[in-house]
PDB file of N, CA and C in Angstrom:
ATOM      1  N   MET A   1     126.974 204.445 139.342  1.00  0.00           N
ATOM      2  CA  MET A   1     125.701 203.937 139.508  1.00  0.00           C
ATOM      3  C   MET A   1     124.720 204.197 138.388  1.00  0.00           C
ATOM      4  N   ILE A   2     123.901 203.418 137.964  1.00  0.00           N
ATOM      5  CA  ILE A   2     123.007 203.520 136.856  1.00  0.00           C
ATOM      6  C   ILE A   2     121.753 204.215 137.398  1.00  0.00           C
ATOM      7  N   PRO A   3     121.287 205.375 136.735  1.00  0.00           N
ATOM      8  CA  PRO A   3     119.936 205.975 137.236  1.00  0.00           C
ATOM      9  C   PRO A   3     118.788 204.874 137.067  1.00  0.00           C
ATOM     10  N   SER A   4     117.819 205.031 137.911  1.00  0.00           N
ATOM     11  CA  SER A   4     116.754 204.017 137.892  1.00  0.00           C
ATOM     12  C   SER A   4     115.987 203.996 136.604  1.00  0.00           C
ATOM     13  N   ASN A   5     115.729 205.239 136.071  1.00  0.00           N
ATOM     14  CA  ASN A   5     115.014 205.158 134.697  1.00  0.00           C
ATOM     15  C   ASN A   5     115.783 204.489 133.600  1.00  0.00           C
ATOM     16  N   LEU A   6     117.058 204.698 133.636  1.00  0.00           N
ATOM     17  CA  LEU A   6     117.943 204.038 132.580  1.00  0.00           C
ATOM     18  C   LEU A   6     117.982 202.552 132.877  1.00  0.00           C
ATOM     19  N   ARG A   7     118.113 202.173 134.075  1.00  0.00           N
ATOM     20  CA  ARG A   7     118.056 200.762 134.459  1.00  0.00           C
ATOM     21  C   ARG A   7     116.804 200.100 133.945  1.00  0.00           C
ATOM     22  N   LEU A   8     115.634 200.622 134.186  1.00  0.00           N
ATOM     23  CA  LEU A   8     114.377 200.214 133.776  1.00  0.00           C
ATOM     24  C   LEU A   8     114.390 200.014 132.183  1.00  0.00           C
ATOM     25  N   VAL A   9     114.873 200.946 131.561  1.00  0.00           N
ATOM     26  CA  VAL A   9     114.857 200.905 129.993  1.00  0.00           C
ATOM     27  C   VAL A   9     115.856 199.730 129.646  1.00  0.00           C
ATOM     28  N   LEU A  10     117.000 199.666 130.168  1.00  0.00           N
ATOM     29  CA  LEU A  10     117.840 198.592 129.848  1.00  0.00           C
ATOM     30  C   LEU A  10     117.297 197.187 130.190  1.00  0.00           C
ATOM     31  N   ILE A  11     116.543 197.068 131.262  1.00  0.00           N
ATOM     32  CA  ILE A  11     115.970 195.689 131.644  1.00  0.00           C
ATOM     33  C   ILE A  11     114.962 195.437 130.548  1.00  0.00           C
ATOM     34  N   VAL A  12     114.087 196.386 130.143  1.00  0.00           N
ATOM     35  CA  VAL A  12     113.080 196.121 129.180  1.00  0.00           C
ATOM     36  C   VAL A  12     113.779 195.762 127.709  1.00  0.00           C
ATOM     37  N   LEU A  13     115.057 196.428 127.406  1.00  0.00           N
ATOM     38  CA  LEU A  13     115.657 196.010 126.296  1.00  0.00           C
ATOM     39  C   LEU A  13     116.262 194.597 126.392  1.00  0.00           C
ATOM     40  N   VAL A  14     116.766 194.262 127.532  1.00  0.00           N
ATOM     41  CA  VAL A  14     117.295 192.817 127.656  1.00  0.00           C
ATOM     42  C   VAL A  14     116.105 191.824 127.548  1.00  0.00           C
ATOM     43  N   ILE A  15     115.030 192.146 128.100  1.00  0.00           N
ATOM     44  CA  ILE A  15     113.824 191.257 127.976  1.00  0.00           C
ATOM     45  C   ILE A  15     113.377 191.121 126.507  1.00  0.00           C
ATOM     46  N   ALA A  16     113.490 192.243 125.753  1.00  0.00           N
ATOM     47  CA  ALA A  16     113.088 192.303 124.361  1.00  0.00           C
ATOM     48  C   ALA A  16     114.152 191.421 123.531  1.00  0.00           C
ATOM     49  N   TYR A  17     115.337 191.465 123.993  1.00  0.00           N
ATOM     50  CA  TYR A  17     116.463 190.759 123.394  1.00  0.00           C
ATOM     51  C   TYR A  17     116.166 189.261 123.536  1.00  0.00           C
ATOM     52  N   PHE A  18     115.875 188.819 124.722  1.00  0.00           N
ATOM     53  CA  PHE A  18     115.408 187.447 125.013  1.00  0.00           C
ATOM     54  C   PHE A  18     114.228 187.013 124.103  1.00  0.00           C
ATOM     55  N   VAL A  19     113.267 187.789 124.037  1.00  0.00           N
ATOM     56  CA  VAL A  19     112.013 187.467 123.296  1.00  0.00           C
ATOM     57  C   VAL A  19     112.392 187.319 121.763  1.00  0.00           C
ATOM     58  N   ILE A  20     113.190 188.198 121.289  1.00  0.00           N
ATOM     59  CA  ILE A  20     113.649 188.059 119.886  1.00  0.00           C
ATOM     60  C   ILE A  20     114.490 186.727 119.612  1.00  0.00           C
ATOM     61  N   ILE A  21     115.371 186.428 120.477  1.00  0.00           N
ATOM     62  CA  ILE A  21     116.149 185.237 120.387  1.00  0.00           C
ATOM     63  C   ILE A  21     115.227 184.065 120.433  1.00  0.00           C
ATOM     64  N   LEU A  22     114.324 183.978 121.442  1.00  0.00           N
ATOM     65  CA  LEU A  22     113.481 182.824 121.492  1.00  0.00           C
ATOM     66  C   LEU A  22     112.431 182.730 120.334  1.00  0.00           C
ATOM     67  N   TYR A  23     112.021 183.966 119.839  1.00  0.00           N
ATOM     68  CA  TYR A  23     111.219 183.914 118.589  1.00  0.00           C
ATOM     69  C   TYR A  23     111.947 183.310 117.409  1.00  0.00           C
ATOM     70  N   LEU A  24     113.170 183.745 117.255  1.00  0.00           N
ATOM     71  CA  LEU A  24     113.946 183.099 116.063  1.00  0.00           C
ATOM     72  C   LEU A  24     114.169 181.678 116.263  1.00  0.00           C
ATOM     73  N   LEU A  25     114.445 181.266 117.622  1.00  0.00           N
ATOM     74  CA  LEU A  25     114.604 179.885 117.804  1.00  0.00           C
ATOM     75  C   LEU A  25     113.322 179.026 117.463  1.00  0.00           C
ATOM     76  N   LYS A  26     112.145 179.620 117.828  1.00  0.00           N
ATOM     77  CA  LYS A  26     110.903 179.021 117.560  1.00  0.00           C
ATOM     78  C   LYS A  26     110.631 178.896 116.060  1.00  0.00           C
ATOM     79  N   LYS A  27     110.941 180.009 115.291  1.00  0.00           N
ATOM     80  CA  LYS A  27     110.744 179.981 113.843  1.00  0.00           C
ATOM     81  C   LYS A  27     111.845 179.173 113.224  1.00  0.00           C
ATOM     82  N   LYS A  28     112.772 178.625 113.826  1.00  0.00           N
ATOM     83  CA  LYS A  28     113.882 177.794 113.422  1.00  0.00           C
ATOM     84  C   LYS A  28     114.797 178.628 112.522  1.00  0.00           C
ATOM     85  N   ALA A  29     114.811 179.872 112.660  1.00  0.00           N
ATOM     86  CA  ALA A  29     115.851 180.790 112.042  1.00  0.00           C
ATOM     87  C   ALA A  29     117.254 180.589 112.719  1.00  0.00           C
ATOM     88  N   LEU A  30     117.213 180.227 113.976  1.00  0.00           N
ATOM     89  CA  LEU A  30     118.445 179.853 114.631  1.00  0.00           C
ATOM     90  C   LEU A  30     118.264 178.403 115.257  1.00  0.00           C
ATOM     91  N   THR A  31     119.439 177.738 115.266  1.00  0.00           N
ATOM     92  CA  THR A  31     119.355 176.413 115.923  1.00  0.00           C
ATOM     93  C   THR A  31     119.747 176.548 117.356  1.00  0.00           C
ATOM     94  N   LEU A  32     119.341 175.579 118.098  1.00  0.00           N
ATOM     95  CA  LEU A  32     119.658 175.561 119.614  1.00  0.00           C
ATOM     96  C   LEU A  32     121.085 175.712 119.937  1.00  0.00           C
ATOM     97  N   ARG A  33     121.964 174.995 119.156  1.00  0.00           N
ATOM     98  CA  ARG A  33     123.320 175.054 119.281  1.00  0.00           C
ATOM     99  C   ARG A  33     123.932 176.521 119.189  1.00  0.00           C
ATOM    100  N   TYR A  34     123.440 177.161 118.243  1.00  0.00           N
ATOM    101  CA  TYR A  34     123.941 178.654 118.013  1.00  0.00           C
ATOM    102  C   TYR A  34     123.355 179.612 118.872  1.00  0.00           C
ATOM    103  N   THR A  35     122.124 179.304 119.407  1.00  0.00           N
ATOM    104  CA  THR A  35     121.357 180.186 120.229  1.00  0.00           C
ATOM    105  C   THR A  35     122.040 180.287 121.564  1.00  0.00           C
ATOM    106  N   LEU A  36     122.674 179.226 122.037  1.00  0.00           N
ATOM    107  CA  LEU A  36     123.222 179.217 123.424  1.00  0.00           C
ATOM    108  C   LEU A  36     124.136 180.375 123.682  1.00  0.00           C
ATOM    109  N   LEU A  37     124.928 180.744 122.622  1.00  0.00           N
ATOM    110  CA  LEU A  37     126.060 181.866 122.769  1.00  0.00           C
ATOM    111  C   LEU A  37     125.265 183.120 122.818  1.00  0.00           C
ATOM    112  N   TRP A  38     124.186 183.383 122.139  1.00  0.00           N
ATOM    113  CA  TRP A  38     123.339 184.663 122.240  1.00  0.00           C
ATOM    114  C   TRP A  38     122.573 184.702 123.593  1.00  0.00           C
ATOM    115  N   LEU A  39     122.144 183.512 124.081  1.00  0.00           N
ATOM    116  CA  LEU A  39     121.454 183.526 125.397  1.00  0.00           C
ATOM    117  C   LEU A  39     122.382 183.770 126.398  1.00  0.00           C
ATOM    118  N   LEU A  40     123.581 183.334 126.373  1.00  0.00           N
ATOM    119  CA  LEU A  40     124.626 183.646 127.335  1.00  0.00           C
ATOM    120  C   LEU A  40     125.073 185.067 127.442  1.00  0.00           C
ATOM    121  N   SER A  41     125.230 185.600 126.216  1.00  0.00           N
ATOM    122  CA  SER A  41     125.494 187.098 126.180  1.00  0.00           C
ATOM    123  C   SER A  41     124.278 187.915 126.789  1.00  0.00           C
ATOM    124  N   GLY A  42     123.019 187.507 126.480  1.00  0.00           N
ATOM    125  CA  GLY A  42     121.972 188.220 127.050  1.00  0.00           C
ATOM    126  C   GLY A  42     121.830 188.017 128.593  1.00  0.00           C
ATOM    127  N   LEU A  43     122.209 186.852 129.003  1.00  0.00           N
ATOM    128  CA  LEU A  43     122.265 186.655 130.517  1.00  0.00           C
ATOM    129  C   LEU A  43     123.266 187.484 131.198  1.00  0.00           C
ATOM    130  N   VAL A  44     124.466 187.557 130.589  1.00  0.00           N
ATOM    131  CA  VAL A  44     125.495 188.540 131.119  1.00  0.00           C
ATOM    132  C   VAL A  44     125.025 189.932 131.084  1.00  0.00           C
ATOM    133  N   MET A  45     124.343 190.380 130.099  1.00  0.00           N
ATOM    134  CA  MET A  45     123.897 191.756 129.888  1.00  0.00           C
ATOM    135  C   MET A  45     122.836 192.006 131.007  1.00  0.00           C
ATOM    136  N   GLY A  46     122.010 190.959 131.277  1.00  0.00           N
ATOM    137  CA  GLY A  46     120.878 191.164 132.181  1.00  0.00           C
ATOM    138  C   GLY A  46     121.509 191.196 133.594  1.00  0.00           C
ATOM    139  N   ILE A  47     122.464 190.376 133.895  1.00  0.00           N
ATOM    140  CA  ILE A  47     123.174 190.470 135.234  1.00  0.00           C
ATOM    141  C   ILE A  47     123.803 191.778 135.452  1.00  0.00           C
ATOM    142  N   LEU A  48     124.534 192.359 134.386  1.00  0.00           N
ATOM    143  CA  LEU A  48     125.224 193.593 134.602  1.00  0.00           C
ATOM    144  C   LEU A  48     124.257 194.790 134.697  1.00  0.00           C
ATOM    145  N   VAL A  49     123.057 194.632 134.161  1.00  0.00           N
ATOM    146  CA  VAL A  49     122.004 195.674 134.239  1.00  0.00           C
ATOM    147  C   VAL A  49     121.426 195.741 135.666  1.00  0.00           C
ATOM    148  N   ILE A  50     121.150 194.570 136.118  1.00  0.00           N
ATOM    149  CA  ILE A  50     120.491 194.396 137.365  1.00  0.00           C
ATOM    150  C   ILE A  50     121.517 194.702 138.560  1.00  0.00           C
ATOM    151  N   TRP A  51     122.683 194.157 138.408  1.00  0.00           N
ATOM    152  CA  TRP A  51     123.735 194.381 139.490  1.00  0.00           C
ATOM    153  C   TRP A  51     124.965 195.073 138.803  1.00  0.00           C
ATOM    154  N   PRO A  52     124.889 196.376 138.562  1.00  0.00           N
ATOM    155  CA  PRO A  52     126.019 196.977 137.982  1.00  0.00           C
ATOM    156  C   PRO A  52     127.326 197.033 138.831  1.00  0.00           C
ATOM    157  N   GLY A  53     127.134 196.770 140.120  1.00  0.00           N
ATOM    158  CA  GLY A  53     128.316 196.722 140.931  1.00  0.00           C
ATOM    159  C   GLY A  53     129.245 195.610 140.599  1.00  0.00           C
ATOM    160  N   ILE A  54     128.817 194.513 139.857  1.00  0.00           N
ATOM    161  CA  ILE A  54     129.632 193.383 139.491  1.00  0.00           C
ATOM    162  C   ILE A  54     130.625 193.954 138.431  1.00  0.00           C
ATOM    163  N   LEU A  55     130.208 194.714 137.495  1.00  0.00           N
ATOM    164  CA  LEU A  55     131.066 195.285 136.504  1.00  0.00           C
ATOM    165  C   LEU A  55     132.076 196.072 137.188  1.00  0.00           C
ATOM    166  N   THR A  56     131.709 197.064 138.110  1.00  0.00           N
ATOM    167  CA  THR A  56     132.638 197.839 138.780  1.00  0.00           C
ATOM    168  C   THR A  56     133.693 197.036 139.643  1.00  0.00           C
ATOM    169  N   TRP A  57     133.261 195.957 140.237  1.00  0.00           N
ATOM    170  CA  TRP A  57     134.132 195.100 140.882  1.00  0.00           C
ATOM    171  C   TRP A  57     135.161 194.363 139.987  1.00  0.00           C
ATOM    172  N   LEU A  58     134.696 193.844 138.747  1.00  0.00           N
ATOM    173  CA  LEU A  58     135.511 193.214 137.865  1.00  0.00           C
ATOM    174  C   LEU A  58     136.452 194.222 137.229  1.00  0.00           C
ATOM    175  N   ILE A  59     136.098 195.424 136.976  1.00  0.00           N
ATOM    176  CA  ILE A  59     136.980 196.453 136.380  1.00  0.00           C
ATOM    177  C   ILE A  59     138.092 196.752 137.464  1.00  0.00           C
ATOM    178  N   GLY A  60     137.679 196.903 138.702  1.00  0.00           N
ATOM    179  CA  GLY A  60     138.655 197.220 139.752  1.00  0.00           C
ATOM    180  C   GLY A  60     139.648 196.037 139.944  1.00  0.00           C
ATOM    181  N   LEU A  61     139.104 194.788 139.706  1.00  0.00           N
ATOM    182  CA  LEU A  61     139.928 193.615 139.878  1.00  0.00           C
ATOM    183  C   LEU A  61     141.023 193.571 138.812  1.00  0.00           C
ATOM    184  N   VAL A  62     140.705 193.987 137.563  1.00  0.00           N
ATOM    185  CA  VAL A  62     141.540 193.914 136.377  1.00  0.00           C
ATOM    186  C   VAL A  62     142.464 195.104 136.465  1.00  0.00           C
ATOM    187  N   GLY A  63     142.099 196.179 137.083  1.00  0.00           N
ATOM    188  CA  GLY A  63     142.868 197.439 137.214  1.00  0.00           C
ATOM    189  C   GLY A  63     142.559 198.549 136.195  1.00  0.00           C
ATOM    190  N   ILE A  64     141.464 198.544 135.696  1.00  0.00           N
ATOM    191  CA  ILE A  64     140.940 199.448 134.691  1.00  0.00           C
ATOM    192  C   ILE A  64     140.445 200.659 135.488  1.00  0.00           C
ATOM    193  N   GLN A  65     140.815 201.912 135.058  1.00  0.00           N
ATOM    194  CA  GLN A  65     140.527 203.097 135.895  1.00  0.00           C
ATOM    195  C   GLN A  65     139.124 203.605 135.663  1.00  0.00           C
ATOM    196  N   SER A  66     138.597 203.507 134.406  1.00  0.00           N
ATOM    197  CA  SER A  66     137.331 204.036 134.153  1.00  0.00           C
ATOM    198  C   SER A  66     136.259 203.008 133.916  1.00  0.00           C
ATOM    199  N   ASN A  67     135.094 203.213 134.460  1.00  0.00           N
ATOM    200  CA  ASN A  67     133.945 202.207 134.177  1.00  0.00           C
ATOM    201  C   ASN A  67     133.562 202.107 132.743  1.00  0.00           C
ATOM    202  N   MET A  68     133.558 203.198 132.041  1.00  0.00           N
ATOM    203  CA  MET A  68     133.304 203.159 130.557  1.00  0.00           C
ATOM    204  C   MET A  68     134.305 202.403 129.779  1.00  0.00           C
ATOM    205  N   ASN A  69     135.628 202.371 130.171  1.00  0.00           N
ATOM    206  CA  ASN A  69     136.573 201.618 129.512  1.00  0.00           C
ATOM    207  C   ASN A  69     136.320 200.223 129.786  1.00  0.00           C
ATOM    208  N   GLY A  70     135.994 199.777 130.960  1.00  0.00           N
ATOM    209  CA  GLY A  70     135.641 198.451 131.257  1.00  0.00           C
ATOM    210  C   GLY A  70     134.401 197.918 130.590  1.00  0.00           C
ATOM    211  N   LEU A  71     133.438 198.845 130.378  1.00  0.00           N
ATOM    212  CA  LEU A  71     132.191 198.476 129.650  1.00  0.00           C
ATOM    213  C   LEU A  71     132.616 198.245 128.277  1.00  0.00           C
ATOM    214  N   PHE A  72     133.379 199.062 127.666  1.00  0.00           N
ATOM    215  CA  PHE A  72     133.849 198.892 126.275  1.00  0.00           C
ATOM    216  C   PHE A  72     134.662 197.553 126.068  1.00  0.00           C
ATOM    217  N   LEU A  73     135.503 197.326 127.074  1.00  0.00           N
ATOM    218  CA  LEU A  73     136.364 196.164 126.992  1.00  0.00           C
ATOM    219  C   LEU A  73     135.420 194.911 127.055  1.00  0.00           C
ATOM    220  N   THR A  74     134.369 194.901 127.881  1.00  0.00           N
ATOM    221  CA  THR A  74     133.426 193.739 127.971  1.00  0.00           C
ATOM    222  C   THR A  74     132.668 193.597 126.710  1.00  0.00           C
ATOM    223  N   ALA A  75     132.238 194.702 126.172  1.00  0.00           N
ATOM    224  CA  ALA A  75     131.557 194.665 124.829  1.00  0.00           C
ATOM    225  C   ALA A  75     132.301 194.153 123.722  1.00  0.00           C
ATOM    226  N   ILE A  76     133.616 194.588 123.720  1.00  0.00           N
ATOM    227  CA  ILE A  76     134.552 194.102 122.706  1.00  0.00           C
ATOM    228  C   ILE A  76     134.879 192.647 122.918  1.00  0.00           C
ATOM    229  N   GLY A  77     134.953 192.105 124.158  1.00  0.00           N
ATOM    230  CA  GLY A  77     135.157 190.790 124.467  1.00  0.00           C
ATOM    231  C   GLY A  77     134.027 189.912 123.934  1.00  0.00           C
ATOM    232  N   PHE A  78     132.787 190.377 124.229  1.00  0.00           N
ATOM    233  CA  PHE A  78     131.629 189.531 123.628  1.00  0.00           C
ATOM    234  C   PHE A  78     131.563 189.549 122.174  1.00  0.00           C
ATOM    235  N   SER A  79     131.934 190.780 121.642  1.00  0.00           N
ATOM    236  CA  SER A  79     131.882 190.793 120.057  1.00  0.00           C
ATOM    237  C   SER A  79     132.919 189.832 119.513  1.00  0.00           C
ATOM    238  N   ILE A  80     134.123 189.723 120.131  1.00  0.00           N
ATOM    239  CA  ILE A  80     135.133 188.821 119.614  1.00  0.00           C
ATOM    240  C   ILE A  80     134.756 187.399 119.800  1.00  0.00           C
ATOM    241  N   MET A  81     134.070 187.149 120.979  1.00  0.00           N
ATOM    242  CA  MET A  81     133.467 185.712 121.113  1.00  0.00           C
ATOM    243  C   MET A  81     132.454 185.297 120.154  1.00  0.00           C
ATOM    244  N   ILE A  82     131.611 186.294 119.813  1.00  0.00           N
ATOM    245  CA  ILE A  82     130.494 185.981 118.808  1.00  0.00           C
ATOM    246  C   ILE A  82     131.080 185.884 117.488  1.00  0.00           C
ATOM    247  N   LEU A  83     132.054 186.818 117.100  1.00  0.00           N
ATOM    248  CA  LEU A  83     132.747 186.674 115.772  1.00  0.00           C
ATOM    249  C   LEU A  83     133.472 185.321 115.566  1.00  0.00           C
ATOM    250  N   MET A  84     134.162 184.927 116.652  1.00  0.00           N
ATOM    251  CA  MET A  84     134.906 183.678 116.605  1.00  0.00           C
ATOM    252  C   MET A  84     133.933 182.469 116.368  1.00  0.00           C
ATOM    253  N   SER A  85     132.882 182.547 117.089  1.00  0.00           N
ATOM    254  CA  SER A  85     131.842 181.503 116.984  1.00  0.00           C
ATOM    255  C   SER A  85     131.227 181.516 115.509  1.00  0.00           C
ATOM    256  N   LEU A  86     130.912 182.689 114.958  1.00  0.00           N
ATOM    257  CA  LEU A  86     130.391 182.753 113.612  1.00  0.00           C
ATOM    258  C   LEU A  86     131.422 182.298 112.558  1.00  0.00           C
ATOM    259  N   THR A  87     132.732 182.654 112.814  1.00  0.00           N
ATOM    260  CA  THR A  87     133.765 182.200 111.913  1.00  0.00           C
ATOM    261  C   THR A  87     133.911 180.695 111.960  1.00  0.00           C
ATOM    262  N   SER A  88     133.812 180.113 113.022  1.00  0.00           N
ATOM    263  CA  SER A  88     133.863 178.632 113.217  1.00  0.00           C
ATOM    264  C   SER A  88     132.604 177.944 112.465  1.00  0.00           C
ATOM    265  N   ILE A  89     131.481 178.528 112.571  1.00  0.00           N
ATOM    266  CA  ILE A  89     130.288 178.027 111.880  1.00  0.00           C
ATOM    267  C   ILE A  89     130.418 178.151 110.388  1.00  0.00           C
ATOM    268  N   ALA A  90     130.973 179.308 109.917  1.00  0.00           N
ATOM    269  CA  ALA A  90     131.100 179.515 108.512  1.00  0.00           C
ATOM    270  C   ALA A  90     132.219 178.537 107.890  1.00  0.00           C
ATOM    271  N   THR A  91     133.210 178.171 108.738  1.00  0.00           N
ATOM    272  CA  THR A  91     134.304 177.312 108.280  1.00  0.00           C
ATOM    273  C   THR A  91     133.675 175.846 108.154  1.00  0.00           C
ATOM    274  N   LYS A  92     132.898 175.489 109.131  1.00  0.00           N
ATOM    275  CA  LYS A  92     132.299 174.184 109.056  1.00  0.00           C
ATOM    276  C   LYS A  92     131.309 174.085 107.922  1.00  0.00           C
ATOM    277  N   GLN A  93     130.559 175.019 107.623  1.00  0.00           N
ATOM    278  CA  GLN A  93     129.582 175.122 106.552  1.00  0.00           C
ATOM    279  C   GLN A  93     130.385 175.000 105.257  1.00  0.00           C
ATOM    280  N   ARG A  94     131.476 175.721 105.118  1.00  0.00           N
ATOM    281  CA  ARG A  94     132.269 175.646 103.940  1.00  0.00           C
ATOM    282  C   ARG A  94     132.833 174.221 103.550  1.00  0.00           C
ATOM    283  N   GLN A  95     133.292 173.536 104.685  1.00  0.00           N
ATOM    284  CA  GLN A  95     133.802 172.208 104.513  1.00  0.00           C
ATOM    285  C   GLN A  95     132.551 171.322 104.101  1.00  0.00           C
ATOM    286  N   LYS A  96     131.401 171.415 104.708  1.00  0.00           N
ATOM    287  CA  LYS A  96     130.367 170.685 104.269  1.00  0.00           C
ATOM    288  C   LYS A  96     129.894 170.871 102.902  1.00  0.00           C
ATOM    289  N   ILE A  97     129.892 172.177 102.418  1.00  0.00           N
ATOM    290  CA  ILE A  97     129.619 172.433 101.093  1.00  0.00           C
ATOM    291  C   ILE A  97     130.574 171.926 100.097  1.00  0.00           C
ATOM    292  N   LYS A  98     131.776 171.920 100.421  1.00  0.00           N
ATOM    293  CA  LYS A  98     132.890 171.368  99.550  1.00  0.00           C
ATOM    294  C   LYS A  98     132.708 169.885  99.455  1.00  0.00           C
ATOM    295  N   ALA A  99     132.408 169.155 100.510  1.00  0.00           N
ATOM    296  CA  ALA A  99     132.165 167.650 100.499  1.00  0.00           C
ATOM    297  C   ALA A  99     130.894 167.372  99.652  1.00  0.00           C
ATOM    298  N   LEU A 100     129.835 168.216  99.766  1.00  0.00           N
ATOM    299  CA  LEU A 100     128.628 168.021  99.032  1.00  0.00           C
ATOM    300  C   LEU A 100     128.889 168.241  97.548  1.00  0.00           C
ATOM    301  N   ILE A 101     129.722 169.203  97.143  1.00  0.00           N
ATOM    302  CA  ILE A 101     129.992 169.492  95.742  1.00  0.00           C
ATOM    303  C   ILE A 101     130.827 168.289  95.170  1.00  0.00           C
ATOM    304  N   GLN A 102     131.789 167.833  95.968  1.00  0.00           N
ATOM    305  CA  GLN A 102     132.505 166.608  95.487  1.00  0.00           C
ATOM    306  C   GLN A 102     131.539 165.456  95.255  1.00  0.00           C
ATOM    307  N   ALA A 103     130.737 165.121  96.251  1.00  0.00           N
ATOM    308  CA  ALA A 103     129.902 164.070  96.135  1.00  0.00           C
ATOM    309  C   ALA A 103     128.923 164.254  94.912  1.00  0.00           C
ATOM    310  N   LEU A 104     128.418 165.479  94.691  1.00  0.00           N
ATOM    311  CA  LEU A 104     127.596 165.698  93.551  1.00  0.00           C
ATOM    312  C   LEU A 104     128.308 165.465  92.251  1.00  0.00           C
ATOM    313  N   GLY A 105     129.586 165.922  92.191  1.00  0.00           N
ATOM    314  CA  GLY A 105     130.341 165.697  90.982  1.00  0.00           C
ATOM    315  C   GLY A 105     130.447 164.173  90.721  1.00  0.00           C
ATOM    316  N   MET A 106     130.788 163.393  91.697  1.00  0.00           N
ATOM    317  CA  MET A 106     130.967 161.963  91.560  1.00  0.00           C
ATOM    318  C   MET A 106     129.634 161.321  91.131  1.00  0.00           C
ATOM    319  N   LEU A 107     128.441 161.773  91.614  1.00  0.00           N
ATOM    320  CA  LEU A 107     127.225 161.214  91.208  1.00  0.00           C
ATOM    321  C   LEU A 107     126.804 161.525  89.795  1.00  0.00           C
ATOM    322  N   GLU A 108     127.202 162.870  89.597  1.00  0.00           N
ATOM    323  CA  GLU A 108     126.850 163.265  88.094  1.00  0.00           C
ATOM    324  C   GLU A 108     127.780 162.428  87.046  1.00  0.00           C
ATOM    325  N   LYS A 109     128.980 162.071  87.395  1.00  0.00           N
ATOM    326  CA  LYS A 109     129.979 161.331  86.581  1.00  0.00           C
ATOM    327  C   LYS A 109     129.313 159.770  86.443  1.00  0.00           C
ATOM    328  N   ARG A 110     128.775 159.300  87.614  1.00  0.00           N
ATOM    329  CA  ARG A 110     128.165 158.044  87.555  1.00  0.00           C
ATOM    330  C   ARG A 110     126.925 157.978  86.797  1.00  0.00           C
ATOM    331  N   VAL A 111     126.148 158.994  86.795  1.00  0.00           N
ATOM    332  CA  VAL A 111     124.891 158.991  86.061  1.00  0.00           C
ATOM    333  C   VAL A 111     125.225 159.131  84.532  1.00  0.00           C
ATOM    334  N   ARG A 112     126.338 159.940  84.220  1.00  0.00           N
ATOM    335  CA  ARG A 112     126.676 160.060  82.768  1.00  0.00           C
ATOM    336  C   ARG A 112     127.196 158.692  82.271  1.00  0.00           C
ATOM    337  N   GLN A 113     127.975 157.957  83.084  1.00  0.00           N
ATOM    338  CA  GLN A 113     128.392 156.625  82.652  1.00  0.00           C
ATOM    339  C   GLN A 113     127.251 155.634  82.492  1.00  0.00           C
ATOM    340  N   LEU A 114     126.326 155.732  83.398  1.00  0.00           N
ATOM    341  CA  LEU A 114     125.113 154.744  83.286  1.00  0.00           C
ATOM    342  C   LEU A 114     124.349 155.165  82.103  1.00  0.00           C
ATOM    343  N   GLU A 115     124.145 156.454  81.806  1.00  0.00           N
ATOM    344  CA  GLU A 115     123.410 156.907  80.518  1.00  0.00           C
ATOM    345  C   GLU A 115     124.148 156.368  79.298  1.00  0.00           C
ATOM    346  N   GLU A 116     125.446 156.480  79.251  1.00  0.00           N
ATOM    347  CA  GLU A 116     126.209 156.015  78.193  1.00  0.00           C
ATOM    348  C   GLU A 116     126.091 154.458  77.873  1.00  0.00           C
ATOM    349  N   LYS A 117     126.097 153.763  78.986  1.00  0.00           N
ATOM    350  CA  LYS A 117     125.892 152.291  78.938  1.00  0.00           C
ATOM    351  C   LYS A 117     124.549 152.021  78.429  1.00  0.00           C
ATOM    352  N   LEU A 118     123.554 152.735  78.919  1.00  0.00           N
ATOM    353  CA  LEU A 118     122.143 152.538  78.547  1.00  0.00           C
ATOM    354  C   LEU A 118     121.972 152.815  77.047  1.00  0.00           C
ATOM    355  N   GLU A 119     122.546 153.894  76.536  1.00  0.00           N
ATOM    356  CA  GLU A 119     122.515 154.280  75.128  1.00  0.00           C
ATOM    357  C   GLU A 119     123.184 153.241  74.254  1.00  0.00           C
ATOM    358  N   GLU A 120     124.379 152.607  74.726  1.00  0.00           N
ATOM    359  CA  GLU A 120     125.077 151.619  74.001  1.00  0.00           C
ATOM    360  C   GLU A 120     124.164 150.358  73.871  1.00  0.00           C
ATOM    361  N   SER A 121     123.522 149.972  75.044  1.00  0.00           N
ATOM    362  CA  SER A 121     122.838 148.850  74.973  1.00  0.00           C
ATOM    363  C   SER A 121     121.465 148.889  74.099  1.00  0.00           C
ATOM    364  N   GLN A 122     120.956 150.069  74.053  1.00  0.00           N
ATOM    365  CA  GLN A 122     119.677 150.329  73.205  1.00  0.00           C
ATOM    366  C   GLN A 122     120.153 150.309  71.711  1.00  0.00           C
ATOM    367  N   GLN A 123     121.303 150.798  71.335  1.00  0.00           N
ATOM    368  CA  GLN A 123     121.757 150.756  69.999  1.00  0.00           C
ATOM    369  C   GLN A 123     122.064 149.366  69.465  1.00  0.00           C
ATOM    370  N   LYS A 124     122.402 148.448  70.347  1.00  0.00           N
ATOM    371  CA  LYS A 124     122.687 147.080  69.905  1.00  0.00           C
ATOM    372  C   LYS A 124     121.392 146.303  69.561  1.00  0.00           C
TER     373      LYS A 124
END
């Protein structure tokens, strides 16, 4: 069981976490699409702080002996989810950048061709 003063501190920290996420969303530092994963992890943290018995029940269901091991496993699971999400985002951004570079290269080639035609027509 979590001591009441620790639970109060954790609740305040979870609320601060939500405020920071919503502030970043408002300032458009995060898009709504990517914010949902952070909000989901905050919701799970809040639920586990308010009702720590859920974590104890889940740990017992899986067969983990120690609550701390279960807590670490949960934290590692969320970290892996967030890392996978960020890796997916980075991959999509890289593909978009590659397509933009290719389009820019084609446009530059087209501009050069048009400039050459313009110079030829002016020389005549």
